[in-house]
């Protein structure tokens, strides 16, 4: 059965943010669901998992909430930089290919 546009939108609206620190086992994750799904399942509280221990994000101190926000910002920035690097590498390969083609044409 084909998914409707509404179902696809709901899936896209469900956001999961995951931050992995320098330690491979340290993960901070928050999950939010679309309002209609959250109402049906009850309210969801964000959870944070560090070294396999789950914490309720609503119970965090202000400094801890600040650290989570900083981690999320850093993760988003790293993702943007990785995407920019991928674009630059693709352009570099295209320029090299074009240059090789130009040099081979000139040598012929």
N, C-alpha and C. Protein backbone atom coordinates (compact mmCIF):
# COMPACT_ATOMS: atom_id res chain seq x y z
N UNK A 1 0.84 -1.17 0.00
CA UNK A 1 0.00 0.00 0.00
C UNK A 1 0.88 1.24 0.00
N UNK A 2 0.62 2.18 -0.87
CA UNK A 2 1.43 3.39 -0.98
C UNK A 2 1.16 4.32 0.18
N UNK A 3 2.20 4.98 0.63
CA UNK A 3 2.06 5.94 1.72
C UNK A 3 1.48 7.23 1.17
N UNK A 4 0.64 7.83 1.96
CA UNK A 4 0.07 9.11 1.55
C UNK A 4 1.05 10.22 1.84
N UNK A 5 0.79 11.39 1.25
CA UNK A 5 1.65 12.54 1.51
C UNK A 5 1.64 12.90 2.99
N UNK A 6 0.47 12.75 3.63
CA UNK A 6 0.36 13.08 5.05
C UNK A 6 1.25 12.16 5.88
N UNK A 7 1.27 10.86 5.55
CA UNK A 7 2.12 9.93 6.29
C UNK A 7 3.59 10.27 6.09
N UNK A 8 3.98 10.59 4.85
CA UNK A 8 5.37 10.96 4.58
C UNK A 8 5.75 12.21 5.35
N UNK A 9 4.85 13.19 5.39
CA UNK A 9 5.12 14.44 6.11
C UNK A 9 5.29 14.15 7.60
N UNK A 10 4.45 13.27 8.14
CA UNK A 10 4.55 12.94 9.56
C UNK A 10 5.90 12.29 9.87
N UNK A 11 6.34 11.42 8.97
CA UNK A 11 7.63 10.78 9.18
C UNK A 11 8.76 11.80 9.12
N UNK A 12 8.65 12.76 8.19
CA UNK A 12 9.68 13.78 8.08
C UNK A 12 9.66 14.71 9.28
N UNK A 13 8.46 14.95 9.84
CA UNK A 13 8.34 15.85 10.97
C UNK A 13 8.90 15.26 12.26
N UNK A 14 8.94 13.93 12.34
CA UNK A 14 9.51 13.31 13.53
C UNK A 14 11.01 13.56 13.48
N UNK A 15 11.50 14.32 14.43
CA UNK A 15 12.90 14.71 14.40
C UNK A 15 13.67 13.99 15.49
N UNK A 16 14.83 13.50 15.11
CA UNK A 16 15.72 12.88 16.07
C UNK A 16 17.08 13.54 15.94
N UNK A 17 17.59 14.01 17.03
CA UNK A 17 18.91 14.63 17.04
C UNK A 17 19.81 13.76 17.90
N UNK A 18 20.95 13.42 17.34
CA UNK A 18 21.88 12.59 18.08
C UNK A 18 23.24 13.24 18.04
N UNK A 19 23.85 13.31 19.20
CA UNK A 19 25.18 13.89 19.29
C UNK A 19 26.11 12.85 19.88
N UNK A 20 27.22 12.64 19.23
CA UNK A 20 28.22 11.70 19.71
C UNK A 20 29.46 12.49 20.06
N UNK A 21 29.92 12.36 21.29
CA UNK A 21 31.09 13.10 21.73
C UNK A 21 32.36 12.37 21.32
N UNK A 22 33.49 12.84 21.81
CA UNK A 22 34.77 12.22 21.49
C UNK A 22 34.79 10.77 21.96
N UNK A 23 34.09 10.46 23.02
CA UNK A 23 33.98 9.09 23.49
C UNK A 23 32.91 8.40 22.66
N UNK A 24 33.22 7.29 22.07
CA UNK A 24 32.29 6.60 21.17
C UNK A 24 31.01 6.19 21.89
N UNK A 25 31.07 5.94 23.19
CA UNK A 25 29.90 5.48 23.92
C UNK A 25 29.02 6.61 24.42
N UNK A 26 29.47 7.86 24.34
CA UNK A 26 28.69 8.99 24.82
C UNK A 26 27.75 9.46 23.72
N UNK A 27 26.47 9.34 23.98
CA UNK A 27 25.48 9.77 23.01
C UNK A 27 24.43 10.60 23.70
N UNK A 28 24.08 11.71 23.09
CA UNK A 28 23.00 12.54 23.58
C UNK A 28 21.94 12.50 22.50
N UNK A 29 20.74 12.07 22.83
CA UNK A 29 19.69 11.97 21.83
C UNK A 29 18.42 12.59 22.37
N UNK A 30 17.74 13.34 21.53
CA UNK A 30 16.42 13.85 21.86
C UNK A 30 15.50 13.49 20.72
N UNK A 31 14.29 13.15 21.07
CA UNK A 31 13.32 12.76 20.05
C UNK A 31 12.03 13.53 20.28
N UNK A 32 11.49 14.07 19.19
CA UNK A 32 10.18 14.70 19.25
C UNK A 32 9.34 14.10 18.14
N UNK A 33 8.06 13.96 18.40
CA UNK A 33 7.16 13.40 17.40
C UNK A 33 6.15 14.47 17.00
N UNK A 34 5.54 14.34 15.84
CA UNK A 34 4.50 15.28 15.45
C UNK A 34 3.40 15.32 16.50
N UNK A 35 2.71 16.45 16.60
CA UNK A 35 1.71 16.66 17.64
C UNK A 35 0.63 15.59 17.63
N UNK A 36 0.12 15.22 16.45
CA UNK A 36 -0.96 14.24 16.42
C UNK A 36 -0.50 12.85 16.88
N UNK A 37 0.74 12.49 16.59
CA UNK A 37 1.26 11.22 17.06
C UNK A 37 1.53 11.29 18.56
N UNK A 38 2.10 12.41 19.02
CA UNK A 38 2.40 12.57 20.45
C UNK A 38 1.13 12.51 21.28
N UNK A 39 0.04 13.11 20.78
CA UNK A 39 -1.21 13.09 21.52
C UNK A 39 -1.75 11.68 21.63
N UNK A 40 -1.63 10.91 20.58
CA UNK A 40 -2.13 9.54 20.58
C UNK A 40 -1.33 8.65 21.52
N UNK A 41 -0.03 8.87 21.59
CA UNK A 41 0.84 8.03 22.40
C UNK A 41 1.11 8.63 23.77
N UNK A 42 0.68 9.83 24.02
CA UNK A 42 0.98 10.50 25.26
C UNK A 42 2.22 11.35 25.09
N UNK A 43 2.48 12.24 26.04
CA UNK A 43 3.64 13.13 25.90
C UNK A 43 4.95 12.37 25.99
N UNK A 44 5.88 12.74 25.14
CA UNK A 44 7.20 12.13 25.14
C UNK A 44 8.18 13.11 25.78
N UNK A 45 8.99 12.61 26.68
CA UNK A 45 10.02 13.46 27.26
C UNK A 45 11.34 13.12 26.61
N UNK A 46 12.12 14.13 26.27
CA UNK A 46 13.43 13.87 25.67
C UNK A 46 14.32 13.09 26.63
N UNK A 47 15.07 12.18 26.08
CA UNK A 47 15.99 11.35 26.86
C UNK A 47 17.41 11.61 26.38
N UNK A 48 18.33 11.52 27.30
CA UNK A 48 19.75 11.68 26.99
C UNK A 48 20.44 10.41 27.47
N UNK A 49 21.25 9.81 26.60
CA UNK A 49 21.95 8.58 26.94
C UNK A 49 23.44 8.87 26.91
N UNK A 50 24.10 8.65 28.04
CA UNK A 50 25.55 8.84 28.15
C UNK A 50 26.11 7.59 28.82
N UNK A 51 27.06 6.95 28.16
CA UNK A 51 27.67 5.72 28.68
C UNK A 51 26.61 4.67 29.01
N UNK A 52 25.57 4.60 28.19
CA UNK A 52 24.53 3.59 28.39
C UNK A 52 23.53 3.92 29.47
N UNK A 53 23.66 5.07 30.12
CA UNK A 53 22.73 5.47 31.17
C UNK A 53 21.77 6.50 30.58
N UNK A 54 20.47 6.27 30.74
CA UNK A 54 19.46 7.17 30.19
C UNK A 54 19.03 8.19 31.25
N UNK A 55 18.98 9.45 30.83
CA UNK A 55 18.58 10.54 31.72
C UNK A 55 17.37 11.25 31.13
N UNK A 56 16.49 11.72 31.98
CA UNK A 56 15.35 12.52 31.54
C UNK A 56 15.84 13.95 31.33
N UNK A 57 15.74 14.45 30.10
CA UNK A 57 16.27 15.77 29.77
C UNK A 57 15.59 16.88 30.55
N UNK A 58 14.34 16.67 30.96
CA UNK A 58 13.64 17.71 31.70
C UNK A 58 14.18 17.86 33.12
N UNK A 59 14.94 16.87 33.59
CA UNK A 59 15.51 16.93 34.93
C UNK A 59 16.92 17.50 34.96
N UNK A 60 17.46 17.91 33.82
CA UNK A 60 18.83 18.41 33.75
C UNK A 60 18.94 19.79 34.38
N UNK A 61 20.10 20.05 34.94
CA UNK A 61 20.37 21.39 35.46
C UNK A 61 20.57 22.35 34.30
N UNK A 62 20.53 23.62 34.58
CA UNK A 62 20.74 24.61 33.52
C UNK A 62 22.11 24.46 32.85
N UNK A 63 23.19 24.26 33.63
CA UNK A 63 24.49 24.05 32.96
C UNK A 63 24.50 22.80 32.07
N UNK A 64 23.83 21.73 32.51
CA UNK A 64 23.77 20.52 31.69
C UNK A 64 22.96 20.77 30.43
N UNK A 65 21.86 21.51 30.52
CA UNK A 65 21.07 21.86 29.35
C UNK A 65 21.89 22.71 28.39
N UNK A 66 22.71 23.59 28.94
CA UNK A 66 23.61 24.40 28.11
C UNK A 66 24.62 23.54 27.38
N UNK A 67 25.14 22.53 28.09
CA UNK A 67 26.11 21.63 27.47
C UNK A 67 25.46 20.83 26.35
N UNK A 68 24.22 20.39 26.54
CA UNK A 68 23.50 19.65 25.50
C UNK A 68 23.29 20.56 24.29
N UNK A 69 22.88 21.80 24.54
CA UNK A 69 22.67 22.74 23.43
C UNK A 69 23.98 22.98 22.68
N UNK A 70 25.08 23.11 23.42
CA UNK A 70 26.38 23.30 22.78
C UNK A 70 26.78 22.08 21.95
N UNK A 71 26.53 20.89 22.48
CA UNK A 71 26.82 19.67 21.73
C UNK A 71 25.99 19.60 20.46
N UNK A 72 24.71 19.96 20.55
CA UNK A 72 23.85 19.94 19.37
C UNK A 72 24.33 20.94 18.33
N UNK A 73 24.73 22.12 18.78
CA UNK A 73 25.25 23.13 17.86
C UNK A 73 26.52 22.64 17.19
N UNK A 74 27.43 22.07 17.98
CA UNK A 74 28.70 21.57 17.42
C UNK A 74 28.45 20.45 16.43
N UNK A 75 27.52 19.56 16.74
CA UNK A 75 27.20 18.46 15.83
C UNK A 75 26.62 18.98 14.52
N UNK A 76 25.73 19.95 14.62
CA UNK A 76 25.14 20.54 13.40
C UNK A 76 26.22 21.24 12.57
N UNK A 77 27.13 21.94 13.23
CA UNK A 77 28.21 22.63 12.52
C UNK A 77 29.13 21.61 11.84
N UNK A 78 29.47 20.53 12.54
CA UNK A 78 30.30 19.48 11.95
C UNK A 78 29.62 18.87 10.72
N UNK A 79 28.32 18.63 10.81
CA UNK A 79 27.59 18.07 9.68
C UNK A 79 27.63 19.03 8.49
N UNK A 80 27.43 20.32 8.75
CA UNK A 80 27.47 21.31 7.67
C UNK A 80 28.86 21.36 7.05
N UNK A 81 29.89 21.31 7.87
CA UNK A 81 31.25 21.34 7.35
C UNK A 81 31.57 20.09 6.55
N UNK A 82 31.09 18.93 7.01
CA UNK A 82 31.31 17.69 6.27
C UNK A 82 30.61 17.75 4.91
N UNK A 83 29.42 18.32 4.89
CA UNK A 83 28.71 18.48 3.62
C UNK A 83 29.45 19.44 2.69
N UNK A 84 29.96 20.52 3.25
CA UNK A 84 30.72 21.48 2.44
C UNK A 84 32.00 20.85 1.91
N UNK A 85 32.66 20.04 2.73
CA UNK A 85 33.86 19.33 2.29
C UNK A 85 33.53 18.39 1.13
N UNK A 86 32.42 17.68 1.24
CA UNK A 86 32.02 16.77 0.16
C UNK A 86 31.78 17.53 -1.14
N UNK A 87 31.16 18.70 -1.05
CA UNK A 87 30.93 19.51 -2.25
C UNK A 87 32.26 19.97 -2.84
N UNK A 88 33.16 20.42 -2.00
CA UNK A 88 34.48 20.88 -2.48
C UNK A 88 35.28 19.74 -3.09
N UNK A 89 35.23 18.56 -2.50
CA UNK A 89 35.95 17.42 -3.05
C UNK A 89 35.37 17.03 -4.42
N UNK A 90 34.06 17.07 -4.54
CA UNK A 90 33.42 16.76 -5.82
C UNK A 90 33.85 17.77 -6.88
N UNK A 91 33.85 19.05 -6.53
CA UNK A 91 34.27 20.09 -7.46
C UNK A 91 35.74 19.90 -7.83
N UNK A 92 36.58 19.57 -6.87
CA UNK A 92 38.00 19.36 -7.12
C UNK A 92 38.21 18.25 -8.13
N UNK A 93 37.52 17.13 -7.93
CA UNK A 93 37.65 16.02 -8.88
C UNK A 93 37.19 16.42 -10.27
N UNK A 94 36.12 17.19 -10.35
CA UNK A 94 35.62 17.65 -11.66
C UNK A 94 36.64 18.57 -12.32
N UNK A 95 37.26 19.46 -11.54
CA UNK A 95 38.28 20.37 -12.09
C UNK A 95 39.49 19.59 -12.59
N UNK A 96 39.92 18.59 -11.83
CA UNK A 96 41.06 17.77 -12.23
C UNK A 96 40.73 17.02 -13.53
N UNK A 97 39.54 16.45 -13.59
CA UNK A 97 39.13 15.73 -14.80
C UNK A 97 39.10 16.68 -16.00
N UNK A 98 38.56 17.88 -15.80
CA UNK A 98 38.52 18.87 -16.88
C UNK A 98 39.90 19.30 -17.31
N UNK A 99 40.79 19.50 -16.34
CA UNK A 99 42.16 19.90 -16.66
C UNK A 99 42.89 18.80 -17.42
N UNK A 100 42.75 17.56 -16.98
CA UNK A 100 43.37 16.44 -17.68
C UNK A 100 42.88 16.36 -19.12
N UNK A 101 41.59 16.52 -19.29
CA UNK A 101 41.00 16.48 -20.64
C UNK A 101 41.56 17.59 -21.49
N UNK A 102 41.66 18.77 -20.94
CA UNK A 102 42.20 19.93 -21.67
C UNK A 102 43.65 19.71 -22.04
N UNK A 103 44.44 19.20 -21.12
CA UNK A 103 45.87 18.96 -21.38
C UNK A 103 46.06 17.85 -22.41
N UNK A 104 45.24 16.80 -22.35
CA UNK A 104 45.34 15.73 -23.34
C UNK A 104 44.95 16.22 -24.73
N UNK A 105 43.91 17.07 -24.80
CA UNK A 105 43.50 17.63 -26.10
C UNK A 105 44.58 18.51 -26.69
N UNK A 106 45.26 19.28 -25.85
CA UNK A 106 46.30 20.18 -26.31
C UNK A 106 47.52 19.39 -26.76
N UNK A 107 47.81 18.25 -26.08
CA UNK A 107 48.97 17.44 -26.42
C UNK A 107 48.76 16.67 -27.74
N UNK A 108 47.53 16.45 -28.12
CA UNK A 108 47.27 15.67 -29.34
C UNK A 108 47.52 16.43 -30.61
